[in-house]
Amino acid sequence: RMKLVEFAELLTETGLTVQYHSFKKGQAPNPPYVVYTTGRPVVQLGDNQQEFKVDTVTVELVTDKKELALEEKLESLLNQSKLFFEKEDETYIDSEELFVVTYSVYLY
């Protein structure tokens, strides 16, 4: 089972700046970069006890233009690590002129 600290180290293999949750105001690097947060775990219960738990991590790839090669690099890294993930969304933040591609990754 991969721990969150191991997952964070894995993300650094993209060669991008990686940050948990957010940057302090005015300290965000120039894109591209990766931000990740933990979410609600998926828990399986049986016989009044927890049988297993899968941690959910949201990963956001932030770029100033559409970066298919970076998306493929991140997805390849997740696949090579045998992690199940889903590409959830892609948004454009007009006020910051940034693209954000969001993935849900399951650590089990």
PDB file of N, CA and C in Angstrom:
ATOM      1  N   ARG A   1       0.842  -1.182   0.000  1.00  0.00           N
ATOM      2  CA  ARG A   1       0.000   0.000   0.000  1.00  0.00           C
ATOM      3  C   ARG A   1       0.885   1.242   0.000  1.00  0.00           C
ATOM      4  N   MET A   2       0.646   2.132  -0.951  1.00  0.00           N
ATOM      5  CA  MET A   2       1.449   3.344  -1.065  1.00  0.00           C
ATOM      6  C   MET A   2       0.977   4.390  -0.067  1.00  0.00           C
ATOM      7  N   LYS A   3       1.907   4.959   0.653  1.00  0.00           N
ATOM      8  CA  LYS A   3       1.600   6.023   1.612  1.00  0.00           C
ATOM      9  C   LYS A   3       1.634   7.370   0.889  1.00  0.00           C
ATOM     10  N   LEU A   4       0.996   8.374   1.494  1.00  0.00           N
ATOM     11  CA  LEU A   4       0.905   9.689   0.871  1.00  0.00           C
ATOM     12  C   LEU A   4       2.285  10.283   0.616  1.00  0.00           C
ATOM     13  N   VAL A   5       3.215  10.117   1.530  1.00  0.00           N
ATOM     14  CA  VAL A   5       4.558  10.666   1.340  1.00  0.00           C
ATOM     15  C   VAL A   5       5.251  10.005   0.145  1.00  0.00           C
ATOM     16  N   GLU A   6       5.022   8.725  -0.049  1.00  0.00           N
ATOM     17  CA  GLU A   6       5.579   8.021  -1.206  1.00  0.00           C
ATOM     18  C   GLU A   6       4.935   8.530  -2.498  1.00  0.00           C
ATOM     19  N   PHE A   7       3.636   8.788  -2.427  1.00  0.00           N
ATOM     20  CA  PHE A   7       2.928   9.305  -3.589  1.00  0.00           C
ATOM     21  C   PHE A   7       3.454  10.688  -3.967  1.00  0.00           C
ATOM     22  N   ALA A   8       3.703  11.520  -2.969  1.00  0.00           N
ATOM     23  CA  ALA A   8       4.251  12.856  -3.226  1.00  0.00           C
ATOM     24  C   ALA A   8       5.616  12.749  -3.906  1.00  0.00           C
ATOM     25  N   GLU A   9       6.438  11.816  -3.453  1.00  0.00           N
ATOM     26  CA  GLU A   9       7.742  11.595  -4.080  1.00  0.00           C
ATOM     27  C   GLU A   9       7.575  11.141  -5.528  1.00  0.00           C
ATOM     28  N   LEU A  10       6.583  10.296  -5.766  1.00  0.00           N
ATOM     29  CA  LEU A  10       6.309   9.830  -7.123  1.00  0.00           C
ATOM     30  C   LEU A  10       5.961  11.003  -8.035  1.00  0.00           C
ATOM     31  N   LEU A  11       5.150  11.920  -7.538  1.00  0.00           N
ATOM     32  CA  LEU A  11       4.750  13.074  -8.347  1.00  0.00           C
ATOM     33  C   LEU A  11       5.946  13.929  -8.751  1.00  0.00           C
ATOM     34  N   THR A  12       6.973  13.985  -7.921  1.00  0.00           N
ATOM     35  CA  THR A  12       8.151  14.787  -8.260  1.00  0.00           C
ATOM     36  C   THR A  12       8.878  14.225  -9.483  1.00  0.00           C
ATOM     37  N   GLU A  13       8.617  12.958  -9.819  1.00  0.00           N
ATOM     38  CA  GLU A  13       9.230  12.360 -10.999  1.00  0.00           C
ATOM     39  C   GLU A  13       8.718  12.980 -12.299  1.00  0.00           C
ATOM     40  N   THR A  14       7.681  13.809 -12.202  1.00  0.00           N
ATOM     41  CA  THR A  14       7.215  14.542 -13.373  1.00  0.00           C
ATOM     42  C   THR A  14       8.200  15.646 -13.739  1.00  0.00           C
ATOM     43  N   GLY A  15       9.074  16.006 -12.790  1.00  0.00           N
ATOM     44  CA  GLY A  15      10.003  17.109 -13.006  1.00  0.00           C
ATOM     45  C   GLY A  15       9.384  18.465 -12.723  1.00  0.00           C
ATOM     46  N   LEU A  16       8.137  18.467 -12.261  1.00  0.00           N
ATOM     47  CA  LEU A  16       7.427  19.706 -11.961  1.00  0.00           C
ATOM     48  C   LEU A  16       7.477  20.011 -10.464  1.00  0.00           C
ATOM     49  N   THR A  17       7.226  21.262 -10.108  1.00  0.00           N
ATOM     50  CA  THR A  17       7.060  21.623  -8.704  1.00  0.00           C
ATOM     51  C   THR A  17       5.793  20.946  -8.204  1.00  0.00           C
ATOM     52  N   VAL A  18       5.874  20.328  -7.035  1.00  0.00           N
ATOM     53  CA  VAL A  18       4.741  19.612  -6.444  1.00  0.00           C
ATOM     54  C   VAL A  18       4.459  20.222  -5.074  1.00  0.00           C
ATOM     55  N   GLN A  19       3.182  20.509  -4.812  1.00  0.00           N
ATOM     56  CA  GLN A  19       2.803  21.140  -3.547  1.00  0.00           C
ATOM     57  C   GLN A  19       1.545  20.480  -3.003  1.00  0.00           C
ATOM     58  N   TYR A  20       1.533  20.255  -1.686  1.00  0.00           N
ATOM     59  CA  TYR A  20       0.310  19.759  -1.052  1.00  0.00           C
ATOM     60  C   TYR A  20      -0.644  20.920  -0.839  1.00  0.00           C
ATOM     61  N   HIS A  21      -1.859  20.770  -1.216  1.00  0.00           N
ATOM     62  CA  HIS A  21      -3.005  21.645  -1.018  1.00  0.00           C
ATOM     63  C   HIS A  21      -2.939  22.963  -1.771  1.00  0.00           C
ATOM     64  N   SER A  22      -1.996  23.846  -1.435  1.00  0.00           N
ATOM     65  CA  SER A  22      -1.969  25.158  -2.095  1.00  0.00           C
ATOM     66  C   SER A  22      -0.653  25.862  -1.803  1.00  0.00           C
ATOM     67  N   PHE A  23      -0.400  26.888  -2.566  1.00  0.00           N
ATOM     68  CA  PHE A  23       0.748  27.746  -2.326  1.00  0.00           C
ATOM     69  C   PHE A  23       0.276  28.949  -1.524  1.00  0.00           C
ATOM     70  N   LYS A  24       1.151  29.524  -0.744  1.00  0.00           N
ATOM     71  CA  LYS A  24       0.814  30.764  -0.049  1.00  0.00           C
ATOM     72  C   LYS A  24       0.617  31.856  -1.086  1.00  0.00           C
ATOM     73  N   LYS A  25      -0.212  32.820  -0.752  1.00  0.00           N
ATOM     74  CA  LYS A  25      -0.536  33.895  -1.681  1.00  0.00           C
ATOM     75  C   LYS A  25       0.745  34.545  -2.205  1.00  0.00           C
ATOM     76  N   GLY A  26       0.826  34.627  -3.524  1.00  0.00           N
ATOM     77  CA  GLY A  26       1.968  35.246  -4.168  1.00  0.00           C
ATOM     78  C   GLY A  26       3.186  34.348  -4.306  1.00  0.00           C
ATOM     79  N   GLN A  27       3.103  33.078  -3.855  1.00  0.00           N
ATOM     80  CA  GLN A  27       4.260  32.190  -3.909  1.00  0.00           C
ATOM     81  C   GLN A  27       4.118  31.034  -4.896  1.00  0.00           C
ATOM     82  N   ALA A  28       3.054  31.044  -5.663  1.00  0.00           N
ATOM     83  CA  ALA A  28       2.896  29.988  -6.662  1.00  0.00           C
ATOM     84  C   ALA A  28       3.954  30.166  -7.745  1.00  0.00           C
ATOM     85  N   PRO A  29       4.577  29.071  -8.169  1.00  0.00           N
ATOM     86  CA  PRO A  29       5.575  29.183  -9.233  1.00  0.00           C
ATOM     87  C   PRO A  29       4.889  29.422 -10.574  1.00  0.00           C
ATOM     88  N   ASN A  30       5.686  29.733 -11.557  1.00  0.00           N
ATOM     89  CA  ASN A  30       5.141  29.798 -12.908  1.00  0.00           C
ATOM     90  C   ASN A  30       4.709  28.392 -13.307  1.00  0.00           C
ATOM     91  N   PRO A  31       3.573  28.272 -14.012  1.00  0.00           N
ATOM     92  CA  PRO A  31       3.141  26.953 -14.454  1.00  0.00           C
ATOM     93  C   PRO A  31       4.100  26.391 -15.491  1.00  0.00           C
ATOM     94  N   PRO A  32       4.138  25.105 -15.649  1.00  0.00           N
ATOM     95  CA  PRO A  32       3.264  24.092 -15.046  1.00  0.00           C
ATOM     96  C   PRO A  32       3.745  23.658 -13.664  1.00  0.00           C
ATOM     97  N   TYR A  33       2.776  23.196 -12.865  1.00  0.00           N
ATOM     98  CA  TYR A  33       3.057  22.618 -11.558  1.00  0.00           C
ATOM     99  C   TYR A  33       1.916  21.687 -11.173  1.00  0.00           C
ATOM    100  N   VAL A  34       2.125  20.948 -10.079  1.00  0.00           N
ATOM    101  CA  VAL A  34       1.145  19.969  -9.612  1.00  0.00           C
ATOM    102  C   VAL A  34       0.767  20.292  -8.164  1.00  0.00           C
ATOM    103  N   VAL A  35      -0.524  20.256  -7.885  1.00  0.00           N
ATOM    104  CA  VAL A  35      -1.038  20.404  -6.523  1.00  0.00           C
ATOM    105  C   VAL A  35      -1.851  19.150  -6.222  1.00  0.00           C
ATOM    106  N   TYR A  36      -1.686  18.614  -4.998  1.00  0.00           N
ATOM    107  CA  TYR A  36      -2.459  17.427  -4.630  1.00  0.00           C
ATOM    108  C   TYR A  36      -3.073  17.610  -3.251  1.00  0.00           C
ATOM    109  N   THR A  37      -4.225  16.985  -3.044  1.00  0.00           N
ATOM    110  CA  THR A  37      -4.921  17.016  -1.758  1.00  0.00           C
ATOM    111  C   THR A  37      -5.509  15.639  -1.477  1.00  0.00           C
ATOM    112  N   THR A  38      -5.711  15.373  -0.214  1.00  0.00           N
ATOM    113  CA  THR A  38      -6.336  14.105   0.154  1.00  0.00           C
ATOM    114  C   THR A  38      -7.845  14.298   0.226  1.00  0.00           C
ATOM    115  N   GLY A  39      -8.540  13.223  -0.054  1.00  0.00           N
ATOM    116  CA  GLY A  39      -9.995  13.257  -0.020  1.00  0.00           C
ATOM    117  C   GLY A  39     -10.529  12.194   0.920  1.00  0.00           C
ATOM    118  N   ARG A  40     -11.789  12.004   0.840  1.00  0.00           N
ATOM    119  CA  ARG A  40     -12.455  11.008   1.679  1.00  0.00           C
ATOM    120  C   ARG A  40     -12.036   9.607   1.243  1.00  0.00           C
ATOM    121  N   PRO A  41     -11.564   8.783   2.195  1.00  0.00           N
ATOM    122  CA  PRO A  41     -11.159   7.427   1.818  1.00  0.00           C
ATOM    123  C   PRO A  41     -12.372   6.553   1.495  1.00  0.00           C
ATOM    124  N   VAL A  42     -12.122   5.541   0.693  1.00  0.00           N
ATOM    125  CA  VAL A  42     -13.132   4.525   0.410  1.00  0.00           C
ATOM    126  C   VAL A  42     -12.884   3.401   1.407  1.00  0.00           C
ATOM    127  N   VAL A  43     -13.888   3.091   2.214  1.00  0.00           N
ATOM    128  CA  VAL A  43     -13.738   2.104   3.287  1.00  0.00           C
ATOM    129  C   VAL A  43     -14.711   0.964   3.064  1.00  0.00           C
ATOM    130  N   GLN A  44     -14.223  -0.261   3.203  1.00  0.00           N
ATOM    131  CA  GLN A  44     -15.070  -1.455   3.125  1.00  0.00           C
ATOM    132  C   GLN A  44     -15.175  -2.031   4.534  1.00  0.00           C
ATOM    133  N   LEU A  45     -16.399  -2.169   5.001  1.00  0.00           N
ATOM    134  CA  LEU A  45     -16.626  -2.715   6.334  1.00  0.00           C
ATOM    135  C   LEU A  45     -17.202  -4.119   6.228  1.00  0.00           C
ATOM    136  N   GLY A  46     -16.900  -4.936   7.219  1.00  0.00           N
ATOM    137  CA  GLY A  46     -17.451  -6.280   7.303  1.00  0.00           C
ATOM    138  C   GLY A  46     -17.282  -6.815   8.711  1.00  0.00           C
ATOM    139  N   ASP A  47     -18.289  -7.491   9.213  1.00  0.00           N
ATOM    140  CA  ASP A  47     -18.241  -8.053  10.567  1.00  0.00           C
ATOM    141  C   ASP A  47     -17.853  -7.002  11.597  1.00  0.00           C
ATOM    142  N   ASN A  48     -18.471  -5.813  11.475  1.00  0.00           N
ATOM    143  CA  ASN A  48     -18.271  -4.715  12.418  1.00  0.00           C
ATOM    144  C   ASN A  48     -16.823  -4.245  12.519  1.00  0.00           C
ATOM    145  N   GLN A  49     -16.075  -4.380  11.437  1.00  0.00           N
ATOM    146  CA  GLN A  49     -14.709  -3.850  11.422  1.00  0.00           C
ATOM    147  C   GLN A  49     -14.332  -3.430  10.014  1.00  0.00           C
ATOM    148  N   GLN A  50     -13.306  -2.631   9.931  1.00  0.00           N
ATOM    149  CA  GLN A  50     -12.824  -2.162   8.637  1.00  0.00           C
ATOM    150  C   GLN A  50     -12.014  -3.262   7.970  1.00  0.00           C
ATOM    151  N   GLU A  51     -12.461  -3.703   6.800  1.00  0.00           N
ATOM    152  CA  GLU A  51     -11.736  -4.751   6.075  1.00  0.00           C
ATOM    153  C   GLU A  51     -10.594  -4.159   5.268  1.00  0.00           C
ATOM    154  N   PHE A  52     -10.847  -3.040   4.617  1.00  0.00           N
ATOM    155  CA  PHE A  52      -9.770  -2.353   3.913  1.00  0.00           C
ATOM    156  C   PHE A  52     -10.159  -0.908   3.681  1.00  0.00           C
ATOM    157  N   LYS A  53      -9.145  -0.083   3.409  1.00  0.00           N
ATOM    158  CA  LYS A  53      -9.354   1.335   3.159  1.00  0.00           C
ATOM    159  C   LYS A  53      -8.491   1.736   1.964  1.00  0.00           C
ATOM    160  N   VAL A  54      -9.083   2.517   1.082  1.00  0.00           N
ATOM    161  CA  VAL A  54      -8.368   3.056  -0.069  1.00  0.00           C
ATOM    162  C   VAL A  54      -8.370   4.578   0.070  1.00  0.00           C
ATOM    163  N   ASP A  55      -7.175   5.164   0.159  1.00  0.00           N
ATOM    164  CA  ASP A  55      -7.086   6.617   0.247  1.00  0.00           C
ATOM    165  C   ASP A  55      -7.278   7.225  -1.133  1.00  0.00           C
ATOM    166  N   THR A  56      -7.975   8.342  -1.175  1.00  0.00           N
ATOM    167  CA  THR A  56      -8.230   9.058  -2.415  1.00  0.00           C
ATOM    168  C   THR A  56      -7.420  10.348  -2.413  1.00  0.00           C
ATOM    169  N   VAL A  57      -6.716  10.598  -3.506  1.00  0.00           N
ATOM    170  CA  VAL A  57      -5.927  11.812  -3.645  1.00  0.00           C
ATOM    171  C   VAL A  57      -6.371  12.516  -4.926  1.00  0.00           C
ATOM    172  N   THR A  58      -6.613  13.810  -4.814  1.00  0.00           N
ATOM    173  CA  THR A  58      -6.929  14.619  -5.979  1.00  0.00           C
ATOM    174  C   THR A  58      -5.641  15.285  -6.436  1.00  0.00           C
ATOM    175  N   VAL A  59      -5.334  15.130  -7.713  1.00  0.00           N
ATOM    176  CA  VAL A  59      -4.125  15.703  -8.304  1.00  0.00           C
ATOM    177  C   VAL A  59      -4.568  16.702  -9.367  1.00  0.00           C
ATOM    178  N   GLU A  60      -4.026  17.912  -9.284  1.00  0.00           N
ATOM    179  CA  GLU A  60      -4.329  18.939 -10.268  1.00  0.00           C
ATOM    180  C   GLU A  60      -3.050  19.317 -11.013  1.00  0.00           C
ATOM    181  N   LEU A  61      -3.090  19.143 -12.307  1.00  0.00           N
ATOM    182  CA  LEU A  61      -1.997  19.567 -13.177  1.00  0.00           C
ATOM    183  C   LEU A  61      -2.362  20.954 -13.685  1.00  0.00           C
ATOM    184  N   VAL A  62      -1.569  21.954 -13.309  1.00  0.00           N
ATOM    185  CA  VAL A  62      -1.861  23.350 -13.626  1.00  0.00           C
ATOM    186  C   VAL A  62      -0.879  23.824 -14.697  1.00  0.00           C
ATOM    187  N   THR A  63      -1.417  24.344 -15.793  1.00  0.00           N
ATOM    188  CA  THR A  63      -0.590  24.805 -16.909  1.00  0.00           C
ATOM    189  C   THR A  63      -1.136  26.131 -17.443  1.00  0.00           C
ATOM    190  N   ASP A  64      -0.303  26.837 -18.191  1.00  0.00           N
ATOM    191  CA  ASP A  64      -0.772  28.088 -18.796  1.00  0.00           C
ATOM    192  C   ASP A  64      -1.236  27.883 -20.236  1.00  0.00           C
ATOM    193  N   LYS A  65      -1.092  26.664 -20.750  1.00  0.00           N
ATOM    194  CA  LYS A  65      -1.626  26.283 -22.052  1.00  0.00           C
ATOM    195  C   LYS A  65      -1.896  24.782 -22.011  1.00  0.00           C
ATOM    196  N   LYS A  66      -2.671  24.305 -22.939  1.00  0.00           N
ATOM    197  CA  LYS A  66      -2.981  22.876 -22.988  1.00  0.00           C
ATOM    198  C   LYS A  66      -1.682  22.104 -23.213  1.00  0.00           C
ATOM    199  N   GLU A  67      -1.379  21.176 -22.288  1.00  0.00           N
ATOM    200  CA  GLU A  67      -0.107  20.437 -22.317  1.00  0.00           C
ATOM    201  C   GLU A  67      -0.368  18.935 -22.388  1.00  0.00           C
ATOM    202  N   LEU A  68      -0.723  18.444 -23.562  1.00  0.00           N
ATOM    203  CA  LEU A  68      -1.009  17.014 -23.722  1.00  0.00           C
ATOM    204  C   LEU A  68       0.178  16.143 -23.325  1.00  0.00           C
ATOM    205  N   ALA A  69       1.390  16.575 -23.647  1.00  0.00           N
ATOM    206  CA  ALA A  69       2.571  15.776 -23.321  1.00  0.00           C
ATOM    207  C   ALA A  69       2.735  15.627 -21.806  1.00  0.00           C
ATOM    208  N   LEU A  70       2.442  16.686 -21.049  1.00  0.00           N
ATOM    209  CA  LEU A  70       2.529  16.590 -19.583  1.00  0.00           C
ATOM    210  C   LEU A  70       1.441  15.694 -19.016  1.00  0.00           C
ATOM    211  N   GLU A  71       0.240  15.782 -19.574  1.00  0.00           N
ATOM    212  CA  GLU A  71      -0.844  14.908 -19.136  1.00  0.00           C
ATOM    213  C   GLU A  71      -0.454  13.450 -19.380  1.00  0.00           C
ATOM    214  N   GLU A  72       0.083  13.177 -20.558  1.00  0.00           N
ATOM    215  CA  GLU A  72       0.502  11.809 -20.883  1.00  0.00           C
ATOM    216  C   GLU A  72       1.632  11.349 -19.967  1.00  0.00           C
ATOM    217  N   LYS A  73       2.555  12.245 -19.639  1.00  0.00           N
ATOM    218  CA  LYS A  73       3.663  11.899 -18.741  1.00  0.00           C
ATOM    219  C   LYS A  73       3.138  11.544 -17.358  1.00  0.00           C
ATOM    220  N   LEU A  74       2.226  12.351 -16.831  1.00  0.00           N
ATOM    221  CA  LEU A  74       1.648  12.080 -15.516  1.00  0.00           C
ATOM    222  C   LEU A  74       0.865  10.769 -15.536  1.00  0.00           C
ATOM    223  N   GLU A  75       0.045  10.575 -16.545  1.00  0.00           N
ATOM    224  CA  GLU A  75      -0.753   9.355 -16.645  1.00  0.00           C
ATOM    225  C   GLU A  75       0.138   8.125 -16.795  1.00  0.00           C
ATOM    226  N   SER A  76       1.199   8.242 -17.554  1.00  0.00           N
ATOM    227  CA  SER A  76       2.145   7.136 -17.713  1.00  0.00           C
ATOM    228  C   SER A  76       2.810   6.792 -16.385  1.00  0.00           C
ATOM    229  N   LEU A  77       3.187   7.810 -15.631  1.00  0.00           N
ATOM    230  CA  LEU A  77       3.791   7.605 -14.318  1.00  0.00           C
ATOM    231  C   LEU A  77       2.826   6.870 -13.382  1.00  0.00           C
ATOM    232  N   LEU A  78       1.573   7.261 -13.389  1.00  0.00           N
ATOM    233  CA  LEU A  78       0.569   6.596 -12.547  1.00  0.00           C
ATOM    234  C   LEU A  78       0.359   5.152 -13.002  1.00  0.00           C
ATOM    235  N   ASN A  79       0.303   4.948 -14.305  1.00  0.00           N
ATOM    236  CA  ASN A  79       0.143   3.592 -14.836  1.00  0.00           C
ATOM    237  C   ASN A  79       1.328   2.707 -14.486  1.00  0.00           C
ATOM    238  N   GLN A  80       2.536   3.218 -14.657  1.00  0.00           N
ATOM    239  CA  GLN A  80       3.737   2.446 -14.344  1.00  0.00           C
ATOM    240  C   GLN A  80       3.796   2.066 -12.867  1.00  0.00           C
ATOM    241  N   SER A  81       3.204   2.911 -12.021  1.00  0.00           N
ATOM    242  CA  SER A  81       3.178   2.642 -10.581  1.00  0.00           C
ATOM    243  C   SER A  81       1.997   1.765 -10.191  1.00  0.00           C
ATOM    244  N   LYS A  82       1.243   1.343 -11.206  1.00  0.00           N
ATOM    245  CA  LYS A  82       0.082   0.466 -11.017  1.00  0.00           C
ATOM    246  C   LYS A  82      -0.967   1.086 -10.080  1.00  0.00           C
ATOM    247  N   LEU A  83      -1.173   2.393 -10.254  1.00  0.00           N
ATOM    248  CA  LEU A  83      -2.180   3.102  -9.475  1.00  0.00           C
ATOM    249  C   LEU A  83      -3.416   3.306 -10.336  1.00  0.00           C
ATOM    250  N   PHE A  84      -4.578   3.046  -9.757  1.00  0.00           N
ATOM    251  CA  PHE A  84      -5.830   3.283 -10.456  1.00  0.00           C
ATOM    252  C   PHE A  84      -6.135   4.771 -10.358  1.00  0.00           C
ATOM    253  N   PHE A  85      -6.492   5.384 -11.477  1.00  0.00           N
ATOM    254  CA  PHE A  85      -6.827   6.804 -11.476  1.00  0.00           C
ATOM    255  C   PHE A  85      -7.912   7.076 -12.497  1.00  0.00           C
ATOM    256  N   GLU A  86      -8.556   8.199 -12.318  1.00  0.00           N
ATOM    257  CA  GLU A  86      -9.570   8.656 -13.257  1.00  0.00           C
ATOM    258  C   GLU A  86      -9.285  10.116 -13.578  1.00  0.00           C
ATOM    259  N   LYS A  87      -9.323  10.452 -14.840  1.00  0.00           N
ATOM    260  CA  LYS A  87      -9.217  11.846 -15.244  1.00  0.00           C
ATOM    261  C   LYS A  87     -10.604  12.435 -15.053  1.00  0.00           C
ATOM    262  N   GLU A  88     -10.727  13.336 -14.110  1.00  0.00           N
ATOM    263  CA  GLU A  88     -12.050  13.815 -13.697  1.00  0.00           C
ATOM    264  C   GLU A  88     -12.558  15.006 -14.497  1.00  0.00           C
ATOM    265  N   ASP A  89     -11.666  15.980 -14.711  1.00  0.00           N
ATOM    266  CA  ASP A  89     -12.167  17.245 -15.226  1.00  0.00           C
ATOM    267  C   ASP A  89     -11.031  18.051 -15.839  1.00  0.00           C
ATOM    268  N   GLU A  90     -11.391  18.961 -16.685  1.00  0.00           N
ATOM    269  CA  GLU A  90     -10.453  19.961 -17.180  1.00  0.00           C
ATOM    270  C   GLU A  90     -11.175  21.292 -17.164  1.00  0.00           C
ATOM    271  N   THR A  91     -10.574  22.267 -16.519  1.00  0.00           N
ATOM    272  CA  THR A  91     -11.198  23.582 -16.437  1.00  0.00           C
ATOM    273  C   THR A  91     -10.195  24.651 -16.857  1.00  0.00           C
ATOM    274  N   TYR A  92     -10.727  25.799 -17.192  1.00  0.00           N
ATOM    275  CA  TYR A  92      -9.907  26.953 -17.508  1.00  0.00           C
ATOM    276  C   TYR A  92     -10.320  28.063 -16.557  1.00  0.00           C
ATOM    277  N   ILE A  93      -9.352  28.631 -15.856  1.00  0.00           N
ATOM    278  CA  ILE A  93      -9.615  29.721 -14.915  1.00  0.00           C
ATOM    279  C   ILE A  93      -9.300  31.021 -15.641  1.00  0.00           C
ATOM    280  N   ASP A  94     -10.338  31.704 -16.083  1.00  0.00           N
ATOM    281  CA  ASP A  94     -10.168  32.932 -16.867  1.00  0.00           C
ATOM    282  C   ASP A  94      -9.336  33.981 -16.138  1.00  0.00           C
ATOM    283  N   SER A  95      -9.642  34.203 -14.875  1.00  0.00           N
ATOM    284  CA  SER A  95      -8.985  35.283 -14.134  1.00  0.00           C
ATOM    285  C   SER A  95      -7.482  35.066 -13.983  1.00  0.00           C
ATOM    286  N   GLU A  96      -7.047  33.804 -14.032  1.00  0.00           N
ATOM    287  CA  GLU A  96      -5.622  33.496 -13.885  1.00  0.00           C
ATOM    288  C   GLU A  96      -4.990  32.974 -15.176  1.00  0.00           C
ATOM    289  N   GLU A  97      -5.833  32.794 -16.183  1.00  0.00           N
ATOM    290  CA  GLU A  97      -5.396  32.268 -17.477  1.00  0.00           C
ATOM    291  C   GLU A  97      -4.654  30.943 -17.316  1.00  0.00           C
ATOM    292  N   LEU A  98      -5.270  30.026 -16.566  1.00  0.00           N
ATOM    293  CA  LEU A  98      -4.664  28.724 -16.274  1.00  0.00           C
ATOM    294  C   LEU A  98      -5.619  27.598 -16.630  1.00  0.00           C
ATOM    295  N   PHE A  99      -5.046  26.520 -17.139  1.00  0.00           N
ATOM    296  CA  PHE A  99      -5.761  25.267 -17.333  1.00  0.00           C
ATOM    297  C   PHE A  99      -5.497  24.387 -16.120  1.00  0.00           C
ATOM    298  N   VAL A 100      -6.516  23.676 -15.653  1.00  0.00           N
ATOM    299  CA  VAL A 100      -6.362  22.746 -14.541  1.00  0.00           C
ATOM    300  C   VAL A 100      -6.984  21.414 -14.961  1.00  0.00           C
ATOM    301  N   VAL A 101      -6.142  20.379 -15.006  1.00  0.00           N
ATOM    302  CA  VAL A 101      -6.616  19.029 -15.307  1.00  0.00           C
ATOM    303  C   VAL A 101      -6.610  18.272 -13.983  1.00  0.00           C
ATOM    304  N   THR A 102      -7.763  17.723 -13.607  1.00  0.00           N
ATOM    305  CA  THR A 102      -7.936  17.091 -12.306  1.00  0.00           C
ATOM    306  C   THR A 102      -8.053  15.579 -12.446  1.00  0.00           C
ATOM    307  N   TYR A 103      -7.302  14.879 -11.591  1.00  0.00           N
ATOM    308  CA  TYR A 103      -7.322  13.415 -11.529  1.00  0.00           C
ATOM    309  C   TYR A 103      -7.682  12.977 -10.122  1.00  0.00           C
ATOM    310  N   SER A 104      -8.417  11.889 -10.020  1.00  0.00           N
ATOM    311  CA  SER A 104      -8.601  11.193  -8.748  1.00  0.00           C
ATOM    312  C   SER A 104      -7.717   9.947  -8.799  1.00  0.00           C
ATOM    313  N   VAL A 105      -6.876   9.805  -7.787  1.00  0.00           N
ATOM    314  CA  VAL A 105      -5.948   8.675  -7.723  1.00  0.00           C
ATOM    315  C   VAL A 105      -6.258   7.907  -6.449  1.00  0.00           C
ATOM    316  N   TYR A 106      -6.252   6.580  -6.548  1.00  0.00           N
ATOM    317  CA  TYR A 106      -6.615   5.728  -5.420  1.00  0.00           C
ATOM    318  C   TYR A 106      -5.388   4.984  -4.939  1.00  0.00           C
ATOM    319  N   LEU A 107      -5.018   5.226  -3.680  1.00  0.00           N
ATOM    320  CA  LEU A 107      -3.853   4.574  -3.085  1.00  0.00           C
ATOM    321  C   LEU A 107      -4.315   3.355  -2.294  1.00  0.00           C
ATOM    322  N   TYR A 108      -3.979   2.197  -2.767  1.00  0.00           N
ATOM    323  CA  TYR A 108      -4.390   0.962  -2.100  1.00  0.00           C
ATOM    324  C   TYR A 108      -3.232   0.036  -1.943  1.00  0.00           C
TER     325      TYR A 108
END
